[in-house]
Amino acid sequence: MEWISEVSSYRILPFRFGSVVSGEQIERTLAERYDEWFRTLQTVSGRVEMSLKVLQSRPQEMAISTPALPSSYLTRRLRERSRQQAWHWEAESINERIQQHLEPWYIRKYENVTRPAPILINSAYLVEKDTVPMFANAIRTLIREFTAFQWLCTGPWPPYHFVTEGRAQ
């Protein structure tokens, strides 16, 4: 484990898990992608990734009994669609407030846009190493304000989501 403390003093560019390359291939790849990787190293140097998931924790609504009328199916579908739209609008409004609160503490954000209900936020944030405690405090403040949600904040991690922006894999 001695190598961990030695490596921690260097700038490290995370690669795709399980990448295996030969010596010649490393040299060729470094030469071909030097500029891209140099810019990426500058972007992630001194920074870490913090991950955040926020889920709405409302209890599921009771199932509506099925009336015998033929129009009942369409009525239920319309009602369900209205509920989904209302949830989406509420989620976007709350998401915006949360992001505004976190904005002073991150450099970049990677947002997973496929967020089916009840997922409100599924994002990774590029954070300066020395501001991780402030980012964590901002999350704690949000947890106290938005008690109807489940929160999962993890990290600090190597900034994987911010390396793949330039396809440096």
Protein backbone atom coordinates (compact mmCIF):
# COMPACT_ATOMS: atom_id res chain seq x y z
CA MET A 1 0.00 0.00 0.00
CA GLU A 2 3.06 2.22 0.00
CA TRP A 3 2.44 3.03 -3.66
CA ILE A 4 -0.84 4.79 -2.79
CA SER A 5 0.89 7.55 -0.84
CA GLU A 6 3.53 7.87 -3.56
CA VAL A 7 0.96 8.10 -6.36
CA SER A 8 -1.20 10.60 -4.46
CA SER A 9 1.40 13.32 -5.07
CA TYR A 10 0.95 12.99 -8.87
CA ARG A 11 -1.83 14.16 -11.13
CA ILE A 12 -3.74 11.08 -12.21
CA LEU A 13 -6.05 10.85 -15.19
CA PRO A 14 -8.62 8.10 -14.61
CA PHE A 15 -8.98 5.60 -17.44
CA ARG A 16 -11.75 3.21 -18.29
CA PHE A 17 -11.81 0.31 -15.84
CA GLY A 18 -10.02 -2.76 -17.16
CA SER A 19 -8.01 -0.95 -19.87
CA VAL A 20 -5.00 -3.00 -20.94
CA VAL A 21 -2.44 -1.58 -23.37
CA SER A 22 1.07 -2.53 -24.43
CA GLY A 23 4.12 -0.27 -24.12
CA GLU A 24 4.09 0.65 -27.82
CA GLN A 25 0.38 1.29 -27.76
CA ILE A 26 0.78 3.59 -24.73
CA GLU A 27 3.42 5.67 -26.50
CA ARG A 28 1.34 5.92 -29.69
CA THR A 29 -1.84 6.81 -27.80
CA LEU A 30 -0.05 9.40 -25.66
CA ALA A 31 1.42 11.02 -28.77
CA GLU A 32 -1.93 11.06 -30.59
CA ARG A 33 -3.98 12.37 -27.68
CA TYR A 34 -1.43 14.43 -25.77
CA ASP A 35 -3.18 17.79 -26.20
CA GLU A 36 -6.59 16.40 -25.25
CA TRP A 37 -5.27 14.61 -22.18
CA PHE A 38 -3.16 17.59 -21.13
CA ARG A 39 -6.28 19.82 -21.17
CA THR A 40 -8.22 17.17 -19.27
CA LEU A 41 -5.46 16.90 -16.66
CA GLN A 42 -5.60 20.66 -16.20
CA THR A 43 -9.37 20.44 -15.74
CA VAL A 44 -9.32 17.69 -13.09
CA SER A 45 -6.08 18.59 -11.31
CA GLY A 46 -6.74 19.31 -7.64
CA ARG A 47 -10.38 18.35 -8.04
CA VAL A 48 -12.57 15.39 -7.13
CA GLU A 49 -15.97 14.08 -8.06
CA MET A 50 -18.91 14.17 -5.67
CA SER A 51 -21.99 12.16 -6.59
CA LEU A 52 -25.55 13.08 -5.62
CA LYS A 53 -28.83 11.22 -5.98
CA VAL A 54 -32.07 12.69 -4.69
CA LEU A 55 -35.25 10.61 -4.70
CA GLN A 56 -38.78 11.65 -3.92
CA SER A 57 -39.99 9.53 -1.04
CA ARG A 58 -43.74 10.06 -1.20
CA PRO A 59 -45.78 6.94 -0.54
CA GLN A 60 -47.34 5.43 -3.64
CA GLU A 61 -50.94 6.40 -4.14
CA MET A 62 -53.55 3.76 -3.54
CA ALA A 63 -54.67 1.92 -6.65
CA ILE A 64 -57.91 3.26 -8.04
CA SER A 65 -60.66 0.67 -8.27
CA THR A 66 -61.77 -0.07 -11.80
CA PRO A 67 -65.26 1.21 -12.57
CA ALA A 68 -67.31 -0.79 -15.06
CA LEU A 69 -67.80 2.15 -17.45
CA PRO A 70 -65.94 1.88 -20.80
CA SER A 71 -64.59 5.42 -20.46
CA SER A 72 -62.99 4.61 -17.10
CA TYR A 73 -59.75 3.40 -18.71
CA LEU A 74 -59.26 6.69 -20.53
CA THR A 75 -60.18 8.64 -17.42
CA ARG A 76 -57.57 6.75 -15.37
CA ARG A 77 -54.94 7.27 -18.08
CA LEU A 78 -55.67 10.99 -18.22
CA ARG A 79 -55.53 11.26 -14.43
CA GLU A 80 -52.22 9.35 -14.34
CA ARG A 81 -50.74 11.55 -17.05
CA SER A 82 -51.81 14.68 -15.15
CA ARG A 83 -50.14 13.33 -11.99
CA GLN A 84 -46.94 12.59 -13.92
CA GLN A 85 -46.89 16.09 -15.43
CA ALA A 86 -47.45 17.67 -12.02
CA TRP A 87 -44.62 15.55 -10.57
CA HIS A 88 -42.33 16.55 -13.45
CA TRP A 89 -43.02 20.28 -12.99
CA GLU A 90 -42.54 20.05 -9.23
CA ALA A 91 -39.34 18.05 -9.70
CA GLU A 92 -37.89 20.58 -12.16
CA SER A 93 -38.66 23.47 -9.82
CA ILE A 94 -37.08 21.76 -6.81
CA ASN A 95 -34.11 20.57 -8.90
CA GLU A 96 -33.45 24.16 -9.97
CA ARG A 97 -33.49 25.38 -6.35
CA ILE A 98 -31.11 22.59 -5.28
CA GLN A 99 -28.70 23.28 -8.14
CA GLN A 100 -28.66 27.02 -7.35
CA HIS A 101 -27.75 26.22 -3.75
CA LEU A 102 -24.86 23.94 -4.82
CA GLU A 103 -23.57 26.12 -7.67
CA PRO A 104 -20.99 28.09 -5.64
CA TRP A 105 -19.25 24.84 -4.66
CA TYR A 106 -18.68 23.04 -7.95
CA ILE A 107 -16.72 23.71 -11.14
CA ARG A 108 -18.69 21.49 -13.51
CA LYS A 109 -21.71 19.25 -13.33
CA TYR A 110 -22.50 16.01 -15.14
CA GLU A 111 -26.20 15.27 -15.05
CA ASN A 112 -27.70 11.93 -15.92
CA VAL A 113 -30.75 13.10 -17.83
CA THR A 114 -32.60 9.79 -17.73
CA ARG A 115 -34.34 10.28 -14.40
CA PRO A 116 -37.52 8.27 -14.11
CA ALA A 117 -39.75 9.03 -11.14
CA PRO A 118 -39.00 9.02 -8.25
CA ILE A 119 -35.41 10.11 -9.11
CA LEU A 120 -35.17 13.89 -8.94
CA ILE A 121 -31.39 14.31 -9.29
CA ASN A 122 -28.69 11.94 -10.46
CA SER A 123 -25.57 14.07 -10.91
CA ALA A 124 -21.82 14.19 -10.46
CA TYR A 125 -20.04 17.39 -9.51
CA LEU A 126 -16.42 18.39 -10.11
CA VAL A 127 -15.34 19.98 -6.83
CA GLU A 128 -12.06 21.53 -5.69
CA LYS A 129 -10.51 19.24 -3.08
CA ASP A 130 -10.38 22.02 -0.50
CA THR A 131 -14.09 22.90 -0.96
CA VAL A 132 -15.42 19.36 -0.38
CA PRO A 133 -16.40 20.25 3.24
CA MET A 134 -18.37 23.29 2.01
CA PHE A 135 -20.08 21.19 -0.67
CA ALA A 136 -20.99 18.61 2.00
CA ASN A 137 -22.34 21.38 4.28
CA ALA A 138 -24.48 22.68 1.41
CA ILE A 139 -25.90 19.17 0.97
CA ARG A 140 -26.65 18.95 4.72
CA THR A 141 -28.50 22.28 4.53
CA LEU A 142 -30.57 20.99 1.62
CA ILE A 143 -31.36 17.75 3.47
CA ARG A 144 -32.78 19.81 6.36
CA GLU A 145 -34.83 21.96 3.95
CA PHE A 146 -36.15 19.20 1.69
CA THR A 147 -37.17 16.51 4.16
CA ALA A 148 -39.58 14.80 1.74
CA PHE A 149 -36.63 13.38 -0.21
CA GLN A 150 -34.08 10.63 0.22
CA TRP A 151 -30.50 11.84 -0.27
CA LEU A 152 -27.39 9.92 -1.22
CA CYS A 153 -24.16 11.90 -1.52
CA THR A 154 -20.94 9.95 -2.05
CA GLY A 155 -17.32 10.84 -2.66
CA PRO A 156 -14.83 12.20 -3.02
CA TRP A 157 -14.04 10.03 -6.04
CA PRO A 158 -11.59 10.33 -8.91
CA PRO A 159 -13.31 12.60 -11.47
CA TYR A 160 -14.35 9.85 -13.90
CA HIS A 161 -17.38 11.65 -15.34
CA PHE A 162 -15.24 14.65 -16.25
CA VAL A 163 -12.52 12.70 -18.01
CA THR A 164 -14.89 11.06 -20.47
CA GLU A 165 -16.16 14.49 -21.58
CA GLY A 166 -13.19 14.61 -23.95
CA ARG A 167 -13.37 10.86 -24.62
CA ALA A 168 -10.04 10.33 -22.80
CA GLN A 169 -10.58 6.68 -21.97
